[in-house]
């Protein structure tokens, strides 16, 4: 989806009379045309890059690795931090680099 279309859609949703904006307005939270809105838009645009790079890494990881960690007495948190994160860290960093580069690449000509 082009970034302009995403921006227009997010502005319409988060405006003071938008679907989500009308619920945030009474709470004093303004999203459209603020730095918070920019953060929401950049997350919306960049998140697919992270998912596209992380998904194949997670699919390629064998479940036997997690089972081995559990059989050696690792907790779920230890398994996540010491087995899963190091395995997918290169893909995760690549996805975040693409997510940060994507908005800039669409503006540079």
C-alpha atoms as a PDB file:
ATOM      1  CA  UNK A   1       0.000   0.000   0.000  1.00  0.00           C
ATOM      2  CA  UNK A   2       1.468   3.396  -0.877  1.00  0.00           C
ATOM      3  CA  UNK A   3       2.492   5.542   2.059  1.00  0.00           C
ATOM      4  CA  UNK A   4       0.190   8.367   0.962  1.00  0.00           C
ATOM      5  CA  UNK A   5      -2.840   6.079   1.076  1.00  0.00           C
ATOM      6  CA  UNK A   6      -1.784   4.797   4.497  1.00  0.00           C
ATOM      7  CA  UNK A   7      -1.393   8.345   5.770  1.00  0.00           C
ATOM      8  CA  UNK A   8      -4.791   9.424   4.530  1.00  0.00           C
ATOM      9  CA  UNK A   9      -6.456   6.337   5.995  1.00  0.00           C
ATOM     10  CA  UNK A  10      -4.747   6.734   9.368  1.00  0.00           C
ATOM     11  CA  UNK A  11      -5.615  10.440   9.469  1.00  0.00           C
ATOM     12  CA  UNK A  12      -9.272   9.629   8.787  1.00  0.00           C
ATOM     13  CA  UNK A  13      -9.313   6.960  11.495  1.00  0.00           C
ATOM     14  CA  UNK A  14      -7.515   8.990  14.162  1.00  0.00           C
ATOM     15  CA  UNK A  15      -9.059  12.413  13.451  1.00  0.00           C
ATOM     16  CA  UNK A  16     -11.286  13.856  16.187  1.00  0.00           C
ATOM     17  CA  UNK A  17     -14.364  12.528  14.359  1.00  0.00           C
ATOM     18  CA  UNK A  18     -12.763   9.270  13.141  1.00  0.00           C
ATOM     19  CA  UNK A  19     -13.521   5.737  14.245  1.00  0.00           C
ATOM     20  CA  UNK A  20     -10.825   5.632  16.920  1.00  0.00           C
ATOM     21  CA  UNK A  21     -10.224   9.365  17.345  1.00  0.00           C
ATOM     22  CA  UNK A  22     -13.733   9.994  18.663  1.00  0.00           C
ATOM     23  CA  UNK A  23     -12.987   7.664  21.600  1.00  0.00           C
ATOM     24  CA  UNK A  24      -9.545   9.145  22.277  1.00  0.00           C
ATOM     25  CA  UNK A  25     -10.640  12.802  22.089  1.00  0.00           C
ATOM     26  CA  UNK A  26     -12.569  12.811  25.425  1.00  0.00           C
ATOM     27  CA  UNK A  27      -9.516  11.276  27.097  1.00  0.00           C
ATOM     28  CA  UNK A  28      -7.381  14.168  25.882  1.00  0.00           C
ATOM     29  CA  UNK A  29      -5.366  12.031  23.477  1.00  0.00           C
ATOM     30  CA  UNK A  30      -4.835  13.597  20.079  1.00  0.00           C
ATOM     31  CA  UNK A  31      -3.222  11.370  17.465  1.00  0.00           C
ATOM     32  CA  UNK A  32      -3.840  12.978  14.074  1.00  0.00           C
ATOM     33  CA  UNK A  33      -1.302  15.672  13.103  1.00  0.00           C
ATOM     34  CA  UNK A  34       0.904  15.063  16.163  1.00  0.00           C
ATOM     35  CA  UNK A  35       4.213  13.273  16.776  1.00  0.00           C
ATOM     36  CA  UNK A  36       2.182  10.371  18.176  1.00  0.00           C
ATOM     37  CA  UNK A  37       0.395  10.114  14.827  1.00  0.00           C
ATOM     38  CA  UNK A  38       3.709  10.055  13.008  1.00  0.00           C
ATOM     39  CA  UNK A  39       4.879   7.227  15.251  1.00  0.00           C
ATOM     40  CA  UNK A  40       1.675   5.275  14.579  1.00  0.00           C
ATOM     41  CA  UNK A  41       2.048   5.798  10.827  1.00  0.00           C
ATOM     42  CA  UNK A  42       5.710   4.761  10.744  1.00  0.00           C
ATOM     43  CA  UNK A  43       4.921   1.659  12.779  1.00  0.00           C
ATOM     44  CA  UNK A  44       2.034   0.822  10.436  1.00  0.00           C
ATOM     45  CA  UNK A  45       4.232   1.227   7.378  1.00  0.00           C
ATOM     46  CA  UNK A  46       7.355  -0.473   8.761  1.00  0.00           C
ATOM     47  CA  UNK A  47       5.896  -3.451  10.623  1.00  0.00           C
ATOM     48  CA  UNK A  48       5.323  -5.583   7.504  1.00  0.00           C
ATOM     49  CA  UNK A  49       9.070  -5.457   6.780  1.00  0.00           C
ATOM     50  CA  UNK A  50       9.808  -6.939  10.197  1.00  0.00           C
ATOM     51  CA  UNK A  51       7.176  -9.640   9.743  1.00  0.00           C
ATOM     52  CA  UNK A  52       8.438 -10.565   6.256  1.00  0.00           C
ATOM     53  CA  UNK A  53      11.971 -11.121   7.490  1.00  0.00           C
ATOM     54  CA  UNK A  54      11.127 -12.722  10.833  1.00  0.00           C
ATOM     55  CA  UNK A  55       8.511 -15.230   9.657  1.00  0.00           C
ATOM     56  CA  UNK A  56      10.830 -17.415   7.541  1.00  0.00           C
ATOM     57  CA  UNK A  57      13.397 -17.517  10.353  1.00  0.00           C
ATOM     58  CA  UNK A  58      10.764 -18.719  12.803  1.00  0.00           C
ATOM     59  CA  UNK A  59       9.445 -21.296  10.340  1.00  0.00           C
ATOM     60  CA  UNK A  60      12.937 -22.685   9.680  1.00  0.00           C
ATOM     61  CA  UNK A  61      13.705 -23.109  13.362  1.00  0.00           C
ATOM     62  CA  UNK A  62      13.271 -26.705  14.500  1.00  0.00           C
ATOM     63  CA  UNK A  63      10.919 -27.364  17.387  1.00  0.00           C
ATOM     64  CA  UNK A  64      13.451 -29.918  18.615  1.00  0.00           C
ATOM     65  CA  UNK A  65      15.641 -27.065  19.837  1.00  0.00           C
ATOM     66  CA  UNK A  66      12.903 -25.852  22.159  1.00  0.00           C
ATOM     67  CA  UNK A  67      12.164 -29.399  23.302  1.00  0.00           C
ATOM     68  CA  UNK A  68      15.852 -29.971  24.058  1.00  0.00           C
ATOM     69  CA  UNK A  69      15.985 -26.800  26.142  1.00  0.00           C
ATOM     70  CA  UNK A  70      12.877 -27.880  28.054  1.00  0.00           C
ATOM     71  CA  UNK A  71      14.283 -31.361  28.651  1.00  0.00           C
ATOM     72  CA  UNK A  72      17.458 -29.780  30.072  1.00  0.00           C
ATOM     73  CA  UNK A  73      15.344 -27.849  32.576  1.00  0.00           C
ATOM     74  CA  UNK A  74      15.063 -24.441  30.951  1.00  0.00           C
ATOM     75  CA  UNK A  75      12.010 -22.366  31.744  1.00  0.00           C
ATOM     76  CA  UNK A  76       9.953 -20.828  28.953  1.00  0.00           C
ATOM     77  CA  UNK A  77      11.586 -17.454  29.522  1.00  0.00           C
ATOM     78  CA  UNK A  78      15.062 -18.983  29.433  1.00  0.00           C
ATOM     79  CA  UNK A  79      14.184 -20.863  26.259  1.00  0.00           C
ATOM     80  CA  UNK A  80      12.949 -17.671  24.657  1.00  0.00           C
ATOM     81  CA  UNK A  81      15.917 -15.538  25.705  1.00  0.00           C
ATOM     82  CA  UNK A  82      18.714 -18.076  25.204  1.00  0.00           C
ATOM     83  CA  UNK A  83      17.462 -20.191  22.315  1.00  0.00           C
ATOM     84  CA  UNK A  84      14.850 -18.391  20.217  1.00  0.00           C
ATOM     85  CA  UNK A  85      16.134 -14.798  20.371  1.00  0.00           C
ATOM     86  CA  UNK A  86      19.727 -15.613  19.310  1.00  0.00           C
ATOM     87  CA  UNK A  87      18.386 -17.722  16.452  1.00  0.00           C
ATOM     88  CA  UNK A  88      16.129 -15.027  15.008  1.00  0.00           C
ATOM     89  CA  UNK A  89      18.190 -11.962  16.008  1.00  0.00           C
ATOM     90  CA  UNK A  90      19.800 -11.447  12.566  1.00  0.00           C
ATOM     91  CA  UNK A  91      16.393 -11.564  10.875  1.00  0.00           C
ATOM     92  CA  UNK A  92      14.905  -9.273  13.503  1.00  0.00           C
ATOM     93  CA  UNK A  93      17.675  -6.695  13.062  1.00  0.00           C
ATOM     94  CA  UNK A  94      17.333  -6.870   9.284  1.00  0.00           C
ATOM     95  CA  UNK A  95      13.577  -6.333   9.542  1.00  0.00           C
ATOM     96  CA  UNK A  96      13.995  -3.316  11.807  1.00  0.00           C
ATOM     97  CA  UNK A  97      16.625  -1.854   9.483  1.00  0.00           C
ATOM     98  CA  UNK A  98      14.219  -2.243   6.567  1.00  0.00           C
ATOM     99  CA  UNK A  99      11.391  -0.748   8.626  1.00  0.00           C
ATOM    100  CA  UNK A 100      13.462   2.334   9.439  1.00  0.00           C
ATOM    101  CA  UNK A 101      14.738   2.651   5.868  1.00  0.00           C
ATOM    102  CA  UNK A 102      11.347   2.212   4.156  1.00  0.00           C
ATOM    103  CA  UNK A 103       9.823   5.617   5.022  1.00  0.00           C
ATOM    104  CA  UNK A 104      13.028   7.419   4.005  1.00  0.00           C
ATOM    105  CA  UNK A 105      13.357   5.484   0.758  1.00  0.00           C
ATOM    106  CA  UNK A 106       9.855   6.486  -0.315  1.00  0.00           C
ATOM    107  CA  UNK A 107      10.608  10.189   0.206  1.00  0.00           C
ATOM    108  CA  UNK A 108      14.030  10.358  -1.434  1.00  0.00           C
ATOM    109  CA  UNK A 109      14.039  10.820  -5.180  1.00  0.00           C
END
